[in-house]
């Protein structure tokens, strides 16, 4: 493939790799991806620890966008035969009759048999979704459903208070919604907010809900409310769907999702291979430290490799997924004082995962869903106990049986939210894993003696925060949008709590704009601001 122009893409996460793939597929522009770390996939990477794979934050491959759903299946086709646990449990799951694939730069569709997960590695599994809340040592549906199980767990008195509070919020809503607290109360009532949302959300973000911008709710759960949860519960009791698209289901209520056999990193490692095979370049351990501009265009970036050597790379187009805070500080021009001040005030929440290999768990499966060894069937569990710092618990066996090297063991991930440099972040791996094990034992989920192995993984700047100087972010957008050949895409690239599919859509639309010669970036910023885009999807 011959190239007439070049594009520099900062970051080898989902947005950056999607942009590279789309450029190769639709243009004669050569993408050069610069990645500061030594890994592909960003926070959507999969960490392989002794054959046990960790999905950082949990990534359900589901989107309301047909374009994204088809794009994923073009890379990893949906299973055509049962997976390992499907076979063992004699469980019926929707499978695909065939796979369809289009090569980069081609319009020809190649049809083949759908892959068998027991024989083929390049396959997407169809998995059941179950996430629940663990509170007062009991399981509650997530999202919270006002059913007999919830009433039994809460008691009639608390249930009545929640219902009365919801009615009051319905007739006396907070207007305007200025904080995340206002957002929650308007949709769930004060009592339910205080019971299930306040403490957990503040555990995640480290600040009170009344100090977090209401935009966070609009990014994550805009379409969800008690009314929708009850309506879904009634419908789901009447009918089941085998449609992986689930178009008529609010995303936080979906019943199934796609998932790569070996975790999300498998998807992005395969995309990286396709990109390089088609002529793109991926350069790891190269950090952008400078951005040169002239008038309304970016001319070049300065990068530093892991030896400290600097080089200058010119290009015709630039796509950035790097944290906005770092992007602004990299400009080699006099930045307007207010833009600099806002960028320096942007905050991020950081993330620690502890992987534990255990013989057994003390919590038992009391659902109707069959599982191997009868472990609880949840993909992840929201830990809303107030006496521990643990935020979520993933059970990797339920994401994919192929993530676990020994099927007789249970492979779990404990998720903590912190700030880089704080007490939790600065603990040694041994100290932190011991602390995490003690917390899990404290709430009666495991026995310490059942732990066979452990690993700690730290991920900085996982969650762009909706506080600090965020309320003034529009000024930064105004500044960056003036550079017609610079496209901000992805979660950290736009300082928006986007999910993986939303990050991909920003990259796709940026390339669409480039192809059409559109200089406005408005459509990029509209992704995940309309209800159809919204999705509850972990990290």
Protein backbone atom coordinates (compact mmCIF):
# COMPACT_ATOMS: atom_id res chain seq x y z
CA UNK A 1 0.00 0.00 0.00
CA UNK A 2 1.37 3.42 -0.96
CA UNK A 3 0.74 6.41 1.29
CA UNK A 4 0.43 10.05 0.29
CA UNK A 5 0.10 11.46 3.80
CA UNK A 6 0.85 10.55 7.40
CA UNK A 7 -1.12 10.73 10.62
CA UNK A 8 0.34 10.55 14.12
CA UNK A 9 -1.92 8.83 16.64
CA UNK A 10 -1.03 9.28 20.30
CA UNK A 11 -2.00 6.16 22.24
CA UNK A 12 -2.55 2.47 21.38
CA UNK A 13 -5.85 2.05 23.21
CA UNK A 14 -9.24 1.33 21.59
CA UNK A 15 -9.67 4.86 20.19
CA UNK A 16 -6.15 5.10 18.78
CA UNK A 17 -6.20 1.63 17.21
CA UNK A 18 -9.68 2.22 15.78
CA UNK A 19 -8.50 5.48 14.20
CA UNK A 20 -5.51 3.70 12.65
CA UNK A 21 -7.68 0.88 11.29
CA UNK A 22 -10.23 3.33 9.85
CA UNK A 23 -7.52 5.43 8.20
CA UNK A 24 -6.05 2.38 6.49
CA UNK A 25 -9.49 1.17 5.45
CA UNK A 26 -10.81 4.45 4.07
CA UNK A 27 -7.82 6.61 3.08
CA UNK A 28 -4.26 6.51 1.74
CA UNK A 29 -2.95 8.07 4.96
CA UNK A 30 -0.33 6.10 6.89
CA UNK A 31 -1.02 5.92 10.64
CA UNK A 32 1.89 6.01 13.07
CA UNK A 33 0.83 5.14 16.62
CA UNK A 34 2.97 6.40 19.48
CA UNK A 35 2.38 4.54 22.76
CA UNK A 36 4.07 5.66 25.99
CA UNK A 37 3.89 2.21 27.62
CA UNK A 38 5.04 -1.23 26.52
CA UNK A 39 1.49 -2.60 26.10
CA UNK A 40 -1.32 -2.57 23.53
CA UNK A 41 -4.90 -1.76 24.51
CA UNK A 42 -4.69 1.01 27.12
CA UNK A 43 -7.09 0.26 29.98
CA UNK A 44 -8.70 -2.33 27.70
CA UNK A 45 -5.58 -4.50 27.77
CA UNK A 46 -5.56 -7.98 29.26
CA UNK A 47 -2.82 -8.82 31.74
CA UNK A 48 -1.57 -12.42 31.62
CA UNK A 49 -0.33 -13.59 35.03
CA UNK A 50 0.92 -17.20 34.97
CA UNK A 51 -1.72 -18.14 32.42
CA UNK A 52 -4.51 -16.41 34.34
CA UNK A 53 -5.81 -13.36 32.50
CA UNK A 54 -7.03 -10.13 34.10
CA UNK A 55 -9.48 -7.80 32.39
CA UNK A 56 -8.72 -4.35 33.84
CA UNK A 57 -12.06 -2.96 34.97
CA UNK A 58 -14.27 -5.37 33.03
CA UNK A 59 -15.25 -4.74 29.38
CA UNK A 60 -18.56 -5.93 28.04
CA UNK A 61 -18.54 -5.86 24.25
CA UNK A 62 -21.98 -4.40 23.71
CA UNK A 63 -23.10 -1.23 21.97
CA UNK A 64 -26.25 0.40 20.68
CA UNK A 65 -24.20 1.27 17.60
CA UNK A 66 -24.56 -1.26 14.76
CA UNK A 67 -21.34 0.08 13.30
CA UNK A 68 -19.36 -0.79 16.42
CA UNK A 69 -21.03 -4.19 16.88
CA UNK A 70 -20.27 -5.16 13.27
CA UNK A 71 -16.71 -3.78 13.54
CA UNK A 72 -15.96 -5.99 16.55
CA UNK A 73 -17.36 -9.10 14.85
CA UNK A 74 -15.35 -8.36 11.74
CA UNK A 75 -12.20 -8.69 13.86
CA UNK A 76 -13.34 -11.58 16.11
CA UNK A 77 -16.43 -13.42 14.81
CA UNK A 78 -19.12 -14.66 17.18
CA UNK A 79 -18.97 -18.28 18.30
CA UNK A 80 -20.72 -20.90 16.20
CA UNK A 81 -20.41 -23.70 18.77
CA UNK A 82 -20.63 -23.90 22.57
CA UNK A 83 -17.73 -22.71 24.75
CA UNK A 84 -16.12 -24.96 27.38
CA UNK A 85 -18.49 -24.10 30.21
CA UNK A 86 -21.50 -24.19 27.87
CA UNK A 87 -20.61 -27.79 27.04
CA UNK A 88 -20.01 -28.86 30.64
CA UNK A 89 -23.25 -27.30 31.87
CA UNK A 90 -25.21 -28.35 28.76
CA UNK A 91 -26.17 -24.72 28.48
CA UNK A 92 -27.78 -23.37 25.33
CA UNK A 93 -26.47 -20.01 24.12
CA UNK A 94 -27.22 -18.08 20.94
CA UNK A 95 -24.56 -18.85 18.33
CA UNK A 96 -23.81 -17.53 14.85
CA UNK A 97 -24.43 -19.70 11.75
CA UNK A 98 -21.50 -18.14 9.90
CA UNK A 99 -18.90 -15.39 10.06
CA UNK A 100 -18.40 -12.51 7.66
CA UNK A 101 -15.12 -10.67 7.29
CA UNK A 102 -13.94 -7.70 5.26
CA UNK A 103 -10.22 -7.09 4.89
CA UNK A 104 -8.76 -3.59 5.36
CA UNK A 105 -9.18 -1.54 2.20
CA UNK A 106 -11.42 -4.10 0.50
CA UNK A 107 -15.16 -4.09 -0.17
CA UNK A 108 -15.30 -7.88 -0.62
CA UNK A 109 -17.11 -9.85 2.12
CA UNK A 110 -15.64 -13.27 2.91
CA UNK A 111 -18.09 -15.76 4.41
CA UNK A 112 -16.92 -18.75 6.47
CA UNK A 113 -18.15 -21.11 9.16
CA UNK A 114 -18.53 -19.50 12.58
CA UNK A 115 -15.61 -20.47 14.84
CA UNK A 116 -15.67 -23.14 17.55
CA UNK A 117 -14.20 -21.74 20.82
CA UNK A 118 -12.84 -25.19 21.73
CA UNK A 119 -10.87 -25.29 18.49
CA UNK A 120 -10.35 -21.65 17.46
CA UNK A 121 -8.78 -18.82 19.44
CA UNK A 122 -9.97 -15.95 17.24
CA UNK A 123 -13.53 -15.93 18.49
CA UNK A 124 -16.02 -13.78 20.35
CA UNK A 125 -18.10 -15.54 23.01
CA UNK A 126 -21.74 -14.80 23.80
CA UNK A 127 -21.94 -14.38 27.59
CA UNK A 128 -24.76 -13.90 30.08
CA UNK A 129 -24.70 -10.65 32.00
CA UNK A 130 -25.20 -10.60 35.74
CA UNK A 131 -23.98 -7.86 38.07
CA UNK A 132 -25.31 -7.53 41.59
CA UNK A 133 -24.83 -5.33 44.63
CA UNK A 134 -23.37 -6.81 47.81
CA UNK A 135 -24.73 -4.82 50.74
CA UNK A 136 -25.30 -5.78 54.39
CA UNK A 137 -23.77 -9.16 53.40
CA UNK A 138 -26.68 -9.78 51.02
CA UNK A 139 -27.13 -9.70 47.25
CA UNK A 140 -29.35 -7.09 45.58
CA UNK A 141 -30.15 -6.81 41.88
CA UNK A 142 -28.19 -4.26 39.88
CA UNK A 143 -29.74 -1.95 38.89
CA UNK A 144 -31.82 -2.04 42.05
CA UNK A 145 -35.21 -3.64 41.36
CA UNK A 146 -38.19 -3.23 43.67
CA UNK A 147 -39.00 -6.96 43.73
CA UNK A 148 -39.74 -9.37 46.59
CA UNK A 149 -36.04 -10.20 47.02
CA UNK A 150 -35.18 -6.53 47.51
CA UNK A 151 -38.12 -5.98 49.87
CA UNK A 152 -37.08 -9.03 51.91
CA UNK A 153 -33.48 -7.83 52.15
CA UNK A 154 -34.42 -4.25 53.07
CA UNK A 155 -37.49 -4.92 55.21
CA UNK A 156 -40.95 -3.42 54.78
CA UNK A 157 -40.18 -0.25 56.74
CA UNK A 158 -37.15 0.72 54.60
CA UNK A 159 -38.96 -0.26 51.40
CA UNK A 160 -41.90 1.98 52.30
CA UNK A 161 -39.53 4.90 53.01
CA UNK A 162 -37.84 4.37 49.64
CA UNK A 163 -41.18 4.30 47.81
CA UNK A 164 -42.42 7.45 49.57
CA UNK A 165 -39.12 9.20 48.85
CA UNK A 166 -39.30 8.28 45.16
CA UNK A 167 -42.85 9.65 44.92
CA UNK A 168 -41.71 12.88 46.55
CA UNK A 169 -38.79 13.19 44.09
CA UNK A 170 -41.17 12.61 41.19
CA UNK A 171 -43.40 15.54 42.13
CA UNK A 172 -40.68 17.80 43.58
CA UNK A 173 -37.66 17.25 41.34
CA UNK A 174 -34.48 19.26 41.71
CA UNK A 175 -34.26 21.79 38.88
CA UNK A 176 -31.72 22.57 37.63
CA UNK A 177 -29.58 19.50 38.32
CA UNK A 178 -26.29 21.00 39.42
CA UNK A 179 -24.63 17.97 41.01
CA UNK A 180 -24.52 14.21 40.75
CA UNK A 181 -26.50 14.10 44.00
CA UNK A 182 -29.32 16.05 42.32
CA UNK A 183 -29.15 13.65 39.36
CA UNK A 184 -29.52 10.53 41.53
CA UNK A 185 -32.27 11.96 43.74
CA UNK A 186 -34.38 13.00 40.73
CA UNK A 187 -34.31 9.46 39.31
CA UNK A 188 -34.32 7.30 42.43
CA UNK A 189 -35.44 9.42 45.38
CA UNK A 190 -33.34 10.48 48.39
CA UNK A 191 -33.75 7.27 50.41
CA UNK A 192 -32.63 4.95 47.60
CA UNK A 193 -29.80 7.37 46.80
CA UNK A 194 -28.61 7.27 50.43
CA UNK A 195 -28.93 3.48 50.55
CA UNK A 196 -27.29 2.40 47.30
CA UNK A 197 -25.64 5.30 45.49
CA UNK A 198 -24.07 7.84 47.84
CA UNK A 199 -21.44 5.78 49.71
CA UNK A 200 -20.43 3.68 46.73
CA UNK A 201 -20.07 6.64 44.37
CA UNK A 202 -17.99 8.52 46.93
CA UNK A 203 -15.84 5.40 47.37
CA UNK A 204 -15.21 5.43 43.62
CA UNK A 205 -14.49 9.16 43.29
CA UNK A 206 -13.16 10.14 46.71
CA UNK A 207 -15.32 13.28 46.95
CA UNK A 208 -18.95 13.92 48.02
CA UNK A 209 -21.62 13.49 45.33
CA UNK A 210 -22.71 17.12 45.74
CA UNK A 211 -19.25 18.16 44.48
CA UNK A 212 -19.41 16.03 41.30
CA UNK A 213 -20.89 17.53 38.13
CA UNK A 214 -24.24 16.06 37.03
CA UNK A 215 -22.63 15.34 33.63
CA UNK A 216 -21.21 12.14 35.14
CA UNK A 217 -24.72 10.73 35.42
CA UNK A 218 -25.49 11.80 31.87
CA UNK A 219 -22.38 9.95 30.68
CA UNK A 220 -23.10 6.69 32.50
CA UNK A 221 -26.74 6.12 33.42
CA UNK A 222 -28.81 8.86 31.78
CA UNK A 223 -31.51 6.47 30.53
CA UNK A 224 -31.96 4.53 33.76
CA UNK A 225 -34.53 5.16 36.48
CA UNK A 226 -36.75 3.15 38.84
CA UNK A 227 -39.56 3.32 36.29
CA UNK A 228 -37.38 1.80 33.54
CA UNK A 229 -35.98 -0.88 35.85
CA UNK A 230 -39.50 -2.00 36.89
CA UNK A 231 -40.71 -1.93 33.28
CA UNK A 232 -37.75 -4.07 32.19
CA UNK A 233 -38.34 -6.58 35.00
CA UNK A 234 -41.96 -7.04 33.86
CA UNK A 235 -40.96 -7.46 30.20
CA UNK A 236 -38.07 -9.83 30.91
CA UNK A 237 -40.39 -12.15 32.83
CA UNK A 238 -42.59 -12.39 29.76
CA UNK A 239 -40.00 -12.81 27.04
CA UNK A 240 -36.35 -13.61 26.42
CA UNK A 241 -34.33 -12.37 23.46
CA UNK A 242 -31.56 -14.08 21.54
CA UNK A 243 -30.77 -10.86 19.70
CA UNK A 244 -27.25 -9.83 20.73
CA UNK A 245 -28.16 -6.26 19.69
CA UNK A 246 -30.97 -5.95 22.29
CA UNK A 247 -32.06 -2.71 20.70
CA UNK A 248 -35.08 -2.14 22.91
CA UNK A 249 -33.25 -2.74 26.19
CA UNK A 250 -31.70 0.02 28.30
CA UNK A 251 -27.98 -0.77 28.28
CA UNK A 252 -27.66 -1.11 32.05
CA UNK A 253 -30.31 -3.84 31.80
CA UNK A 254 -28.91 -5.98 28.96
CA UNK A 255 -28.97 -9.75 29.48
CA UNK A 256 -26.05 -10.79 27.30
CA UNK A 257 -22.91 -9.41 25.71
CA UNK A 258 -20.00 -10.45 23.50
CA UNK A 259 -16.57 -11.13 24.93
CA UNK A 260 -13.25 -12.18 23.32
CA UNK A 261 -12.11 -15.69 24.28
CA UNK A 262 -8.98 -14.34 26.01
CA UNK A 263 -10.30 -10.99 27.20
CA UNK A 264 -10.48 -7.48 25.68
CA UNK A 265 -6.74 -7.25 25.08
CA UNK A 266 -7.08 -10.04 22.52
CA UNK A 267 -9.27 -7.76 20.40
CA UNK A 268 -6.80 -4.89 20.46
CA UNK A 269 -3.73 -7.06 19.94
CA UNK A 270 -5.41 -8.46 16.82
CA UNK A 271 -6.33 -4.97 15.58
CA UNK A 272 -2.70 -3.92 16.15
CA UNK A 273 -1.54 -6.88 14.04
CA UNK A 274 -3.95 -5.99 11.23
CA UNK A 275 -2.85 -2.35 11.32
CA UNK A 276 0.86 -3.18 11.07
CA UNK A 277 0.25 -5.83 8.38
CA UNK A 278 -1.54 -3.15 6.31
CA UNK A 279 1.37 -0.71 6.56
CA UNK A 280 0.69 1.18 9.77
CA UNK A 281 3.33 1.60 12.47
CA UNK A 282 3.09 1.13 16.24
CA UNK A 283 5.99 2.47 18.28
CA UNK A 284 5.92 1.46 21.95
CA UNK A 285 7.61 3.22 24.87
CA UNK A 286 7.61 6.57 23.07
CA UNK A 287 6.05 9.41 25.03
CA UNK A 288 4.91 12.67 23.43
CA UNK A 289 6.60 15.54 25.29
CA UNK A 290 6.09 18.41 22.84
CA UNK A 291 3.63 19.65 20.21
CA UNK A 292 4.68 22.13 17.55
CA UNK A 293 2.03 24.29 15.85
CA UNK A 294 1.86 26.96 13.17
CA UNK A 295 -1.25 29.11 12.94
CA UNK A 296 -4.26 26.72 12.99
CA UNK A 297 -2.37 23.47 12.36
CA UNK A 298 -0.20 21.07 14.32
CA UNK A 299 3.10 20.53 12.51
CA UNK A 300 4.98 17.93 14.55
CA UNK A 301 5.31 16.15 17.87
CA UNK A 302 8.43 15.69 19.96
CA UNK A 303 8.73 12.22 21.48
CA UNK A 304 11.05 10.71 24.07
CA UNK A 305 11.87 6.99 24.09
CA UNK A 306 12.65 4.84 27.13
CA UNK A 307 16.36 5.75 26.91
CA UNK A 308 15.59 9.47 27.13
CA UNK A 309 16.43 10.19 23.49
CA UNK A 310 14.16 12.72 21.78
CA UNK A 311 13.03 12.83 18.18
CA UNK A 312 10.72 15.00 16.08
CA UNK A 313 7.93 13.48 13.97
CA UNK A 314 6.07 15.53 11.36
CA UNK A 315 2.64 14.55 10.04
CA UNK A 316 -0.39 15.85 8.19
CA UNK A 317 -2.93 14.85 10.85
CA UNK A 318 -2.82 14.23 14.60
CA UNK A 319 -5.17 12.16 16.78
CA UNK A 320 -4.72 12.42 20.54
CA UNK A 321 -5.91 10.02 23.22
CA UNK A 322 -3.39 11.27 25.78
CA UNK A 323 -4.76 12.87 28.98
CA UNK A 324 -5.88 16.42 28.19
CA UNK A 325 -3.86 17.70 31.14
CA UNK A 326 -0.67 16.34 29.53
CA UNK A 327 -1.70 17.39 26.03
CA UNK A 328 -2.07 21.05 26.95
CA UNK A 329 1.24 21.14 28.84
CA UNK A 330 2.97 19.71 25.74
CA UNK A 331 2.16 22.62 23.41
CA UNK A 332 5.32 24.52 22.43
CA UNK A 333 3.52 27.88 22.26
CA UNK A 334 2.28 30.42 24.77
CA UNK A 335 -0.90 28.85 26.08
CA UNK A 336 -3.67 31.29 27.13
CA UNK A 337 -3.54 31.63 30.91
CA UNK A 338 -7.11 30.41 31.45
CA UNK A 339 -6.57 27.30 29.28
CA UNK A 340 -3.39 26.45 31.18
CA UNK A 341 -5.12 26.98 34.51
CA UNK A 342 -8.09 24.76 33.59
CA UNK A 343 -5.83 21.98 32.29
CA UNK A 344 -3.75 22.01 35.46
CA UNK A 345 -6.97 21.73 37.48
CA UNK A 346 -8.25 18.62 35.69
CA UNK A 347 -8.30 15.62 38.03
CA UNK A 348 -8.20 11.87 37.53
CA UNK A 349 -9.12 8.88 39.66
CA UNK A 350 -6.65 6.02 39.59
CA UNK A 351 -7.20 2.30 39.84
CA UNK A 352 -5.68 -0.77 41.48
CA UNK A 353 -6.66 -4.36 40.72
CA UNK A 354 -5.66 -7.30 42.91
CA UNK A 355 -5.87 -10.67 41.20
CA UNK A 356 -6.45 -13.59 43.57
CA UNK A 357 -6.40 -17.28 42.72
CA UNK A 358 -8.58 -19.07 45.28
CA UNK A 359 -9.72 -22.63 45.92
CA UNK A 360 -13.25 -21.65 46.87
CA UNK A 361 -15.53 -18.79 47.90
CA UNK A 362 -17.80 -18.56 50.91
CA UNK A 363 -20.63 -16.85 49.03
CA UNK A 364 -22.78 -19.44 47.25
CA UNK A 365 -24.90 -19.56 44.13
CA UNK A 366 -28.52 -19.12 45.15
CA UNK A 367 -29.70 -18.13 41.66
CA UNK A 368 -31.22 -20.27 38.92
CA UNK A 369 -28.15 -19.77 36.69
CA UNK A 370 -25.97 -22.87 36.46
CA UNK A 371 -22.22 -22.45 36.90
CA UNK A 372 -19.21 -24.74 37.11
CA UNK A 373 -18.60 -25.74 40.73
CA UNK A 374 -21.75 -23.75 41.51
CA UNK A 375 -19.82 -20.51 42.07
CA UNK A 376 -21.85 -17.29 42.08
CA UNK A 377 -22.67 -16.44 38.44
CA UNK A 378 -21.86 -12.70 38.55
CA UNK A 379 -19.46 -11.07 36.08
CA UNK A 380 -18.75 -8.50 38.74
CA UNK A 381 -20.18 -7.56 42.11
CA UNK A 382 -20.53 -4.00 43.39
CA UNK A 383 -19.24 -4.03 46.97
CA UNK A 384 -21.29 -1.41 48.81
CA UNK A 385 -20.30 -2.46 52.32
CA UNK A 386 -19.29 0.65 54.23
CA UNK A 387 -16.64 -1.08 56.37
CA UNK A 388 -14.27 -1.83 53.46
CA UNK A 389 -12.61 0.23 50.73
CA UNK A 390 -13.09 -2.48 48.10
CA UNK A 391 -15.23 -1.17 45.23
CA UNK A 392 -15.95 -4.06 42.87
CA UNK A 393 -15.20 -7.75 42.61
CA UNK A 394 -14.78 -9.50 39.25
CA UNK A 395 -15.12 -13.27 38.81
CA UNK A 396 -13.10 -13.97 35.68
CA UNK A 397 -14.38 -17.57 35.33
CA UNK A 398 -17.77 -16.08 34.44
CA UNK A 399 -16.40 -13.70 31.82
CA UNK A 400 -14.70 -16.51 29.91
CA UNK A 401 -13.62 -19.98 31.08
CA UNK A 402 -10.49 -19.50 29.00
CA UNK A 403 -9.23 -16.68 31.26
CA UNK A 404 -8.44 -19.24 33.98
CA UNK A 405 -5.55 -21.69 33.58
CA UNK A 406 -6.88 -24.24 36.11
CA UNK A 407 -10.67 -24.86 35.86
CA UNK A 408 -10.62 -26.18 39.43
CA UNK A 409 -9.62 -22.73 40.73
CA UNK A 410 -11.52 -19.46 40.94
CA UNK A 411 -9.78 -16.38 39.53
CA UNK A 412 -11.09 -13.10 40.92
CA UNK A 413 -10.20 -9.41 40.66
CA UNK A 414 -10.58 -6.93 43.52
CA UNK A 415 -10.93 -3.34 42.31
CA UNK A 416 -9.91 -0.27 44.29
CA UNK A 417 -10.19 3.41 43.44
CA UNK A 418 -7.55 5.83 44.67
CA UNK A 419 -5.33 8.77 43.77
CA UNK A 420 -1.84 8.23 42.40
CA UNK A 421 0.55 8.88 45.28
CA UNK A 422 -1.95 8.38 48.12
CA UNK A 423 -1.61 5.82 50.93
CA UNK A 424 -3.16 2.91 49.00
CA UNK A 425 -1.20 3.66 45.83
CA UNK A 426 2.10 3.78 47.73
CA UNK A 427 1.68 0.44 49.54
CA UNK A 428 4.01 -2.34 48.45
CA UNK A 429 2.42 -5.12 46.39
CA UNK A 430 2.66 -7.50 49.32
CA UNK A 431 1.13 -4.99 51.75
CA UNK A 432 -1.71 -4.13 49.40
CA UNK A 433 -2.60 -7.69 48.45
CA UNK A 434 -2.63 -8.69 52.14
CA UNK A 435 -4.89 -5.71 52.87
CA UNK A 436 -7.23 -6.70 50.02
CA UNK A 437 -7.40 -10.33 51.16
CA UNK A 438 -8.25 -9.19 54.70
CA UNK A 439 -11.08 -6.98 53.39
CA UNK A 440 -12.59 -9.80 51.34
CA UNK A 441 -12.43 -12.15 54.32
CA UNK A 442 -13.93 -9.48 56.58
CA UNK A 443 -17.13 -9.38 54.54
CA UNK A 444 -17.31 -13.19 54.40
CA UNK A 445 -16.64 -13.66 50.69
CA UNK A 446 -13.50 -15.82 51.05
CA UNK A 447 -11.46 -17.60 53.69
CA UNK A 448 -7.88 -16.30 53.76
CA UNK A 449 -6.61 -19.88 53.66
CA UNK A 450 -8.19 -20.44 50.24
CA UNK A 451 -5.84 -17.91 48.52
CA UNK A 452 -3.21 -19.68 46.39
CA UNK A 453 -1.66 -16.76 44.47
CA UNK A 454 -1.92 -12.99 44.12
CA UNK A 455 -0.86 -10.10 41.88
CA UNK A 456 -1.28 -6.30 42.07
CA UNK A 457 -1.76 -4.07 39.01
CA UNK A 458 -1.83 -0.26 39.18
CA UNK A 459 -3.40 1.84 36.40
CA UNK A 460 -3.01 5.65 36.55
CA UNK A 461 -5.53 8.13 35.11
CA UNK A 462 -8.25 5.51 34.63
CA UNK A 463 -11.19 7.83 35.30
CA UNK A 464 -11.30 11.47 34.15
CA UNK A 465 -13.02 13.33 37.01
CA UNK A 466 -16.14 15.49 36.78
CA UNK A 467 -14.94 17.89 39.44
CA UNK A 468 -11.88 20.09 39.88
CA UNK A 469 -11.83 22.49 36.91
CA UNK A 470 -14.06 20.27 34.76
CA UNK A 471 -16.95 22.74 34.80
CA UNK A 472 -14.77 25.08 32.69
CA UNK A 473 -13.70 22.39 30.21
CA UNK A 474 -15.49 24.08 27.31
CA UNK A 475 -12.65 26.60 27.13
CA UNK A 476 -10.14 23.80 26.52
CA UNK A 477 -12.31 22.39 23.78
CA UNK A 478 -12.47 25.83 22.19
CA UNK A 479 -8.67 26.04 22.28
CA UNK A 480 -7.96 22.57 20.83
CA UNK A 481 -10.72 22.71 18.21
CA UNK A 482 -8.99 25.67 16.56
CA UNK A 483 -6.30 23.31 15.22
CA UNK A 484 -8.08 21.88 12.20
CA UNK A 485 -5.82 18.81 11.85
CA UNK A 486 -5.93 17.85 15.54
CA UNK A 487 -8.61 15.39 16.71
CA UNK A 488 -9.19 14.65 20.38
CA UNK A 489 -10.66 11.15 20.73
CA UNK A 490 -11.24 8.53 23.41
CA UNK A 491 -11.80 8.71 27.17
CA UNK A 492 -8.74 10.59 28.39
CA UNK A 493 -8.32 12.31 25.03
CA UNK A 494 -11.62 14.12 25.60
CA UNK A 495 -11.71 13.97 29.42
CA UNK A 496 -15.04 12.20 29.24
CA UNK A 497 -16.09 9.03 31.05
CA UNK A 498 -16.68 7.22 27.76
CA UNK A 499 -16.97 3.47 27.45
CA UNK A 500 -15.00 1.52 24.89
CA UNK A 501 -17.66 1.73 22.18
CA UNK A 502 -18.04 5.48 22.66
CA UNK A 503 -14.27 5.93 22.43
CA UNK A 504 -14.28 3.95 19.20
CA UNK A 505 -17.11 6.04 17.78
CA UNK A 506 -15.19 9.25 18.38
CA UNK A 507 -12.29 7.77 16.38
CA UNK A 508 -14.56 6.58 13.58
CA UNK A 509 -16.28 9.95 13.29
CA UNK A 510 -12.94 11.79 13.31
CA UNK A 511 -11.81 9.76 10.30
CA UNK A 512 -15.20 10.31 8.64
CA UNK A 513 -14.71 14.06 9.09
CA UNK A 514 -11.24 13.86 7.60
CA UNK A 515 -12.51 11.93 4.56
CA UNK A 516 -15.33 14.47 4.01
CA UNK A 517 -13.10 17.47 4.63
CA UNK A 518 -15.25 18.51 7.60
CA UNK A 519 -13.38 20.81 9.98
CA UNK A 520 -16.06 20.98 12.69
CA UNK A 521 -15.49 18.61 15.62
CA UNK A 522 -19.05 18.96 16.97
CA UNK A 523 -20.12 15.40 16.10
CA UNK A 524 -17.20 13.97 18.09
CA UNK A 525 -18.31 15.80 21.23
CA UNK A 526 -21.92 14.68 20.73
CA UNK A 527 -21.00 10.99 21.11
CA UNK A 528 -22.38 9.73 24.43
CA UNK A 529 -24.42 12.88 24.92
CA UNK A 530 -27.54 11.37 23.35
CA UNK A 531 -29.52 8.63 25.05
CA UNK A 532 -28.93 5.93 22.42
CA UNK A 533 -25.19 6.04 23.05
CA UNK A 534 -25.33 5.31 26.77
CA UNK A 535 -23.94 2.14 28.29
CA UNK A 536 -22.98 0.77 31.71
CA UNK A 537 -19.79 -1.09 31.00
CA UNK A 538 -17.21 -1.14 33.74
CA UNK A 539 -13.93 0.58 33.28
